[in-house]
C-alpha atoms as a PDB file:
ATOM      1  CA  UNK A   1      -9.343  -1.877  15.759  1.00  0.00           C
ATOM      2  CA  UNK A   2      -6.196  -3.493  14.243  1.00  0.00           C
ATOM      3  CA  UNK A   3      -5.791  -0.432  11.902  1.00  0.00           C
ATOM      4  CA  UNK A   4      -6.244   1.949  14.644  1.00  0.00           C
ATOM      5  CA  UNK A   5      -3.711   0.209  16.817  1.00  0.00           C
ATOM      6  CA  UNK A   6      -1.244  -0.038  13.816  1.00  0.00           C
ATOM      7  CA  UNK A   7      -1.566   3.756  12.963  1.00  0.00           C
ATOM      8  CA  UNK A   8      -0.984   4.662  16.544  1.00  0.00           C
ATOM      9  CA  UNK A   9       2.305   2.569  16.634  1.00  0.00           C
ATOM     10  CA  UNK A  10       3.403   3.780  13.212  1.00  0.00           C
ATOM     11  CA  UNK A  11       6.107   6.010  14.438  1.00  0.00           C
ATOM     12  CA  UNK A  12       7.561   3.194  16.804  1.00  0.00           C
ATOM     13  CA  UNK A  13       7.499   0.832  13.975  1.00  0.00           C
ATOM     14  CA  UNK A  14       9.297   3.270  11.621  1.00  0.00           C
ATOM     15  CA  UNK A  15      11.808   4.063  14.186  1.00  0.00           C
ATOM     16  CA  UNK A  16      12.369   0.220  14.872  1.00  0.00           C
ATOM     17  CA  UNK A  17      12.694  -0.806  11.181  1.00  0.00           C
ATOM     18  CA  UNK A  18      13.904   2.368   9.519  1.00  0.00           C
ATOM     19  CA  UNK A  19      12.060   3.971   6.591  1.00  0.00           C
ATOM     20  CA  UNK A  20      13.764   1.894   3.969  1.00  0.00           C
ATOM     21  CA  UNK A  21      12.965  -1.637   5.615  1.00  0.00           C
ATOM     22  CA  UNK A  22       9.524  -0.459   6.435  1.00  0.00           C
ATOM     23  CA  UNK A  23       8.790   0.416   2.739  1.00  0.00           C
ATOM     24  CA  UNK A  24      10.024  -3.058   1.626  1.00  0.00           C
ATOM     25  CA  UNK A  25       8.387  -4.990   4.337  1.00  0.00           C
ATOM     26  CA  UNK A  26       4.987  -3.164   4.020  1.00  0.00           C
ATOM     27  CA  UNK A  27       5.040  -3.767   0.160  1.00  0.00           C
ATOM     28  CA  UNK A  28       5.706  -7.428   0.710  1.00  0.00           C
ATOM     29  CA  UNK A  29       3.054  -7.701   3.443  1.00  0.00           C
ATOM     30  CA  UNK A  30       0.471  -5.990   1.140  1.00  0.00           C
ATOM     31  CA  UNK A  31       1.243  -8.445  -1.496  1.00  0.00           C
ATOM     32  CA  UNK A  32       1.126 -11.392   1.042  1.00  0.00           C
ATOM     33  CA  UNK A  33      -2.427 -10.321   2.317  1.00  0.00           C
ATOM     34  CA  UNK A  34      -3.755 -10.084  -1.246  1.00  0.00           C
ATOM     35  CA  UNK A  35      -2.651 -13.493  -1.592  1.00  0.00           C
ATOM     36  CA  UNK A  36      -4.306 -14.650   1.636  1.00  0.00           C
ATOM     37  CA  UNK A  37      -7.662 -13.087   0.475  1.00  0.00           C
ATOM     38  CA  UNK A  38      -7.385 -14.507  -3.015  1.00  0.00           C
ATOM     39  CA  UNK A  39      -6.030 -18.075  -2.207  1.00  0.00           C
ATOM     40  CA  UNK A  40      -7.190 -19.038   1.285  1.00  0.00           C
ATOM     41  CA  UNK A  41     -10.343 -19.191   3.418  1.00  0.00           C
ATOM     42  CA  UNK A  42      -8.922 -16.599   5.644  1.00  0.00           C
ATOM     43  CA  UNK A  43     -10.440 -13.711   3.960  1.00  0.00           C
ATOM     44  CA  UNK A  44     -11.211 -11.719   7.000  1.00  0.00           C
ATOM     45  CA  UNK A  45      -7.418 -12.033   8.307  1.00  0.00           C
ATOM     46  CA  UNK A  46      -6.244 -10.826   4.916  1.00  0.00           C
ATOM     47  CA  UNK A  47      -8.493  -7.681   4.857  1.00  0.00           C
ATOM     48  CA  UNK A  48      -7.403  -6.801   8.392  1.00  0.00           C
ATOM     49  CA  UNK A  49      -3.713  -7.167   7.334  1.00  0.00           C
ATOM     50  CA  UNK A  50      -4.330  -4.927   4.268  1.00  0.00           C
ATOM     51  CA  UNK A  51      -5.933  -2.236   6.326  1.00  0.00           C
ATOM     52  CA  UNK A  52      -3.059  -2.490   8.919  1.00  0.00           C
ATOM     53  CA  UNK A  53      -0.614  -1.937   6.130  1.00  0.00           C
ATOM     54  CA  UNK A  54      -2.506   0.891   4.694  1.00  0.00           C
ATOM     55  CA  UNK A  55      -2.944   2.795   7.832  1.00  0.00           C
ATOM     56  CA  UNK A  56       0.844   2.357   8.765  1.00  0.00           C
ATOM     57  CA  UNK A  57       2.045   3.627   5.460  1.00  0.00           C
ATOM     58  CA  UNK A  58      -0.524   6.592   5.556  1.00  0.00           C
ATOM     59  CA  UNK A  59       0.956   7.864   8.739  1.00  0.00           C
ATOM     60  CA  UNK A  60       4.483   7.181   7.733  1.00  0.00           C
ATOM     61  CA  UNK A  61       4.204   8.598   4.285  1.00  0.00           C
ATOM     62  CA  UNK A  62       2.210  11.708   5.372  1.00  0.00           C
ATOM     63  CA  UNK A  63       4.951  12.605   8.041  1.00  0.00           C
ATOM     64  CA  UNK A  64       7.602  11.960   5.285  1.00  0.00           C
ATOM     65  CA  UNK A  65       5.790  14.385   2.952  1.00  0.00           C
ATOM     66  CA  UNK A  66       5.539  17.074   5.657  1.00  0.00           C
ATOM     67  CA  UNK A  67       9.288  16.723   6.436  1.00  0.00           C
ATOM     68  CA  UNK A  68      10.333  16.776   2.817  1.00  0.00           C
ATOM     69  CA  UNK A  69       8.249  19.133   0.880  1.00  0.00           C
ATOM     70  CA  UNK A  70       8.232  22.882   1.859  1.00  0.00           C
ATOM     71  CA  UNK A  71       4.781  24.073   3.125  1.00  0.00           C
ATOM     72  CA  UNK A  72       4.220  26.289   0.143  1.00  0.00           C
ATOM     73  CA  UNK A  73       4.248  23.293  -2.136  1.00  0.00           C
ATOM     74  CA  UNK A  74       2.731  20.684  -0.006  1.00  0.00           C
ATOM     75  CA  UNK A  75      -0.888  21.298  -0.643  1.00  0.00           C
ATOM     76  CA  UNK A  76      -0.190  20.959  -4.344  1.00  0.00           C
ATOM     77  CA  UNK A  77       1.419  17.606  -3.909  1.00  0.00           C
ATOM     78  CA  UNK A  78      -1.207  16.282  -1.484  1.00  0.00           C
ATOM     79  CA  UNK A  79      -3.897  17.426  -3.987  1.00  0.00           C
ATOM     80  CA  UNK A  80      -2.116  15.571  -6.717  1.00  0.00           C
ATOM     81  CA  UNK A  81      -1.859  12.518  -4.708  1.00  0.00           C
ATOM     82  CA  UNK A  82      -5.436  12.486  -3.897  1.00  0.00           C
ATOM     83  CA  UNK A  83      -6.401  13.091  -7.493  1.00  0.00           C
ATOM     84  CA  UNK A  84      -4.113  10.090  -8.634  1.00  0.00           C
ATOM     85  CA  UNK A  85      -5.796   7.978  -5.941  1.00  0.00           C
ATOM     86  CA  UNK A  86      -9.154   8.740  -7.438  1.00  0.00           C
ATOM     87  CA  UNK A  87      -8.103   8.127 -10.902  1.00  0.00           C
ATOM     88  CA  UNK A  88      -6.748   4.751  -9.879  1.00  0.00           C
ATOM     89  CA  UNK A  89      -9.888   4.029  -8.245  1.00  0.00           C
ATOM     90  CA  UNK A  90     -12.114   5.144 -11.132  1.00  0.00           C
ATOM     91  CA  UNK A  91      -9.830   2.806 -13.531  1.00  0.00           C
ATOM     92  CA  UNK A  92      -9.457  -0.116 -11.287  1.00  0.00           C
ATOM     93  CA  UNK A  93     -12.374  -0.564  -9.215  1.00  0.00           C
ATOM     94  CA  UNK A  94     -14.686  -1.225 -12.207  1.00  0.00           C
ATOM     95  CA  UNK A  95     -12.384  -3.696 -13.740  1.00  0.00           C
ATOM     96  CA  UNK A  96     -11.903  -5.482 -10.299  1.00  0.00           C
ATOM     97  CA  UNK A  97     -15.807  -5.309  -9.775  1.00  0.00           C
ATOM     98  CA  UNK A  98     -16.436  -6.775 -13.303  1.00  0.00           C
ATOM     99  CA  UNK A  99     -13.877  -9.660 -12.577  1.00  0.00           C
ATOM    100  CA  UNK A 100     -15.586 -10.333  -9.145  1.00  0.00           C
ATOM    101  CA  UNK A 101     -19.065 -10.313 -10.651  1.00  0.00           C
ATOM    102  CA  UNK A 102     -18.133 -12.724 -13.599  1.00  0.00           C
ATOM    103  CA  UNK A 103     -15.723 -15.055 -11.846  1.00  0.00           C
ATOM    104  CA  UNK A 104     -16.030 -14.461  -8.050  1.00  0.00           C
ATOM    105  CA  UNK A 105     -14.115 -12.442  -5.520  1.00  0.00           C
ATOM    106  CA  UNK A 106     -11.362 -15.050  -5.145  1.00  0.00           C
ATOM    107  CA  UNK A 107     -10.513 -14.749  -8.839  1.00  0.00           C
ATOM    108  CA  UNK A 108     -10.561 -10.789  -8.570  1.00  0.00           C
ATOM    109  CA  UNK A 109      -8.177 -10.957  -5.769  1.00  0.00           C
ATOM    110  CA  UNK A 110      -6.036 -13.581  -7.404  1.00  0.00           C
ATOM    111  CA  UNK A 111      -5.772 -11.214 -10.469  1.00  0.00           C
ATOM    112  CA  UNK A 112      -4.741  -8.311  -8.205  1.00  0.00           C
ATOM    113  CA  UNK A 113      -2.071 -10.576  -6.479  1.00  0.00           C
ATOM    114  CA  UNK A 114      -0.723 -11.943  -9.806  1.00  0.00           C
ATOM    115  CA  UNK A 115      -0.704  -8.548 -11.509  1.00  0.00           C
ATOM    116  CA  UNK A 116       1.040  -7.015  -8.490  1.00  0.00           C
ATOM    117  CA  UNK A 117       3.983  -9.197  -8.533  1.00  0.00           C
ATOM    118  CA  UNK A 118       5.856  -7.685 -11.451  1.00  0.00           C
ATOM    119  CA  UNK A 119       4.736  -4.211 -10.341  1.00  0.00           C
ATOM    120  CA  UNK A 120       6.127  -4.794  -6.949  1.00  0.00           C
ATOM    121  CA  UNK A 121       9.346  -6.093  -8.376  1.00  0.00           C
ATOM    122  CA  UNK A 122       9.792  -3.329 -10.576  1.00  0.00           C
ATOM    123  CA  UNK A 123       8.859  -0.636  -7.990  1.00  0.00           C
ATOM    124  CA  UNK A 124      11.254  -2.233  -5.535  1.00  0.00           C
ATOM    125  CA  UNK A 125      14.083  -2.201  -8.112  1.00  0.00           C
ATOM    126  CA  UNK A 126      13.511   1.487  -8.857  1.00  0.00           C
ATOM    127  CA  UNK A 127      12.918   2.368  -5.121  1.00  0.00           C
ATOM    128  CA  UNK A 128      16.173   0.565  -4.309  1.00  0.00           C
ATOM    129  CA  UNK A 129      18.214   3.089  -6.218  1.00  0.00           C
ATOM    130  CA  UNK A 130      16.183   6.101  -5.019  1.00  0.00           C
ATOM    131  CA  UNK A 131      16.302   5.065  -1.392  1.00  0.00           C
ATOM    132  CA  UNK A 132      20.027   4.309  -1.531  1.00  0.00           C
ATOM    133  CA  UNK A 133      20.733   7.732  -2.596  1.00  0.00           C
ATOM    134  CA  UNK A 134      18.664   8.987   0.384  1.00  0.00           C
ATOM    135  CA  UNK A 135      20.548   7.257   3.229  1.00  0.00           C
END
Protein backbone atom coordinates (compact mmCIF):
# COMPACT_ATOMS: atom_id res chain seq x y z
CA UNK A 1 0.00 0.00 0.00
CA UNK A 2 2.85 2.40 0.87
CA UNK A 3 4.54 1.62 -2.44
CA UNK A 4 1.29 2.21 -4.33
CA UNK A 5 0.80 5.57 -2.64
CA UNK A 6 4.41 6.57 -3.30
CA UNK A 7 4.22 5.67 -6.99
CA UNK A 8 1.03 7.68 -7.44
CA UNK A 9 2.72 10.71 -5.83
CA UNK A 10 6.00 10.30 -7.73
CA UNK A 11 5.43 13.21 -10.10
CA UNK A 12 4.54 15.56 -7.25
CA UNK A 13 7.61 14.45 -5.29
CA UNK A 14 9.82 14.94 -8.35
CA UNK A 15 8.33 18.37 -9.02
CA UNK A 16 8.84 19.40 -5.39
CA UNK A 17 12.44 18.15 -5.06
CA UNK A 18 13.64 18.28 -8.64
CA UNK A 19 15.21 15.31 -10.39
CA UNK A 20 18.73 15.93 -9.09
CA UNK A 21 17.75 16.09 -5.42
CA UNK A 22 15.38 13.18 -5.87
CA UNK A 23 18.18 10.96 -7.16
CA UNK A 24 20.49 11.85 -4.29
CA UNK A 25 17.84 11.58 -1.61
CA UNK A 26 16.42 8.30 -2.89
CA UNK A 27 19.90 6.75 -2.98
CA UNK A 28 20.55 7.83 0.59
CA UNK A 29 17.12 6.60 1.70
CA UNK A 30 17.67 3.24 0.01
CA UNK A 31 20.96 2.86 1.85
CA UNK A 32 19.34 3.94 5.10
CA UNK A 33 16.55 1.37 4.74
CA UNK A 34 19.08 -1.43 4.05
CA UNK A 35 20.75 -0.37 7.28
CA UNK A 36 17.42 -0.45 9.10
CA UNK A 37 16.83 -4.02 7.92
CA UNK A 38 20.36 -5.15 8.74
CA UNK A 39 21.00 -3.42 12.03
CA UNK A 40 17.66 -2.92 13.79
CA UNK A 41 14.59 -4.91 14.75
CA UNK A 42 12.43 -2.77 12.45
CA UNK A 43 12.77 -5.10 9.45
CA UNK A 44 9.23 -4.53 8.23
CA UNK A 45 9.64 -0.74 8.26
CA UNK A 46 12.93 -1.10 6.36
CA UNK A 47 11.34 -3.29 3.70
CA UNK A 48 8.40 -0.92 3.34
CA UNK A 49 10.85 1.97 2.94
CA UNK A 50 12.83 0.07 0.30
CA UNK A 51 9.71 -0.70 -1.75
CA UNK A 52 8.63 2.94 -1.51
CA UNK A 53 11.98 4.15 -2.85
CA UNK A 54 11.94 1.53 -5.61
CA UNK A 55 8.42 2.43 -6.74
CA UNK A 56 9.27 6.14 -6.74
CA UNK A 57 12.39 5.63 -8.83
CA UNK A 58 10.62 3.26 -11.23
CA UNK A 59 8.03 5.89 -12.12
CA UNK A 60 10.47 8.80 -12.28
CA UNK A 61 13.11 7.00 -14.35
CA UNK A 62 10.54 5.45 -16.70
CA UNK A 63 9.19 8.92 -17.42
CA UNK A 64 12.71 10.31 -17.81
CA UNK A 65 13.65 7.58 -20.28
CA UNK A 66 10.47 8.25 -22.26
CA UNK A 67 11.36 11.96 -22.45
CA UNK A 68 15.05 11.50 -23.19
CA UNK A 69 15.21 8.58 -25.64
CA UNK A 70 13.56 8.71 -29.06
CA UNK A 71 10.82 6.11 -29.48
CA UNK A 72 12.74 4.17 -32.16
CA UNK A 73 15.57 3.51 -29.63
CA UNK A 74 13.53 3.24 -26.45
CA UNK A 75 12.62 -0.45 -26.74
CA UNK A 76 16.28 -1.38 -27.10
CA UNK A 77 17.25 0.62 -24.03
CA UNK A 78 14.38 -0.78 -21.95
CA UNK A 79 15.25 -4.33 -23.04
CA UNK A 80 18.88 -3.77 -22.11
CA UNK A 81 17.81 -2.35 -18.73
CA UNK A 82 15.63 -5.40 -18.06
CA UNK A 83 18.42 -7.75 -19.12
CA UNK A 84 20.93 -6.04 -16.82
CA UNK A 85 18.48 -6.26 -13.93
CA UNK A 86 18.15 -10.00 -14.60
CA UNK A 87 21.92 -10.44 -14.78
CA UNK A 88 22.30 -8.61 -11.46
CA UNK A 89 19.67 -10.87 -9.90
CA UNK A 90 21.37 -13.98 -11.28
CA UNK A 91 24.69 -12.89 -9.81
CA UNK A 92 23.70 -11.28 -6.51
CA UNK A 93 20.66 -13.26 -5.32
CA UNK A 94 22.56 -16.53 -4.85
CA UNK A 95 25.35 -14.71 -3.02
CA UNK A 96 22.93 -12.93 -0.69
CA UNK A 97 20.92 -16.14 -0.26
CA UNK A 98 24.07 -18.09 0.61
CA UNK A 99 25.14 -15.43 3.13
CA UNK A 100 21.66 -15.42 4.69
CA UNK A 101 21.63 -19.22 4.84
CA UNK A 102 25.09 -19.43 6.39
CA UNK A 103 25.07 -16.43 8.72
CA UNK A 104 21.48 -15.12 8.90
CA UNK A 105 19.47 -12.45 7.20
CA UNK A 106 20.83 -9.65 9.38
CA UNK A 107 24.36 -10.47 8.26
CA UNK A 108 23.30 -10.61 4.60
CA UNK A 109 21.62 -7.19 4.78
CA UNK A 110 24.54 -5.77 6.73
CA UNK A 111 26.77 -6.97 3.91
CA UNK A 112 24.59 -5.24 1.32
CA UNK A 113 24.64 -2.09 3.44
CA UNK A 114 28.43 -2.07 3.92
CA UNK A 115 29.25 -2.84 0.28
CA UNK A 116 26.72 -0.26 -0.92
CA UNK A 117 28.42 2.63 0.85
CA UNK A 118 31.49 2.87 -1.43
CA UNK A 119 29.36 2.09 -4.49
CA UNK A 120 26.93 4.87 -3.56
CA UNK A 121 29.73 7.34 -2.90
CA UNK A 122 31.39 6.57 -6.23
CA UNK A 123 28.10 6.67 -8.12
CA UNK A 124 27.15 9.94 -6.43
CA UNK A 125 30.49 11.42 -7.41
CA UNK A 126 30.07 10.35 -11.04
CA UNK A 127 26.42 11.40 -11.17
CA UNK A 128 27.19 14.79 -9.71
CA UNK A 129 29.24 15.65 -12.77
CA UNK A 130 26.67 14.26 -15.19
CA UNK A 131 23.70 15.87 -13.48
CA UNK A 132 25.52 19.20 -13.31
CA UNK A 133 25.85 19.14 -17.10
CA UNK A 134 22.13 18.48 -17.48
CA UNK A 135 20.92 21.43 -15.42
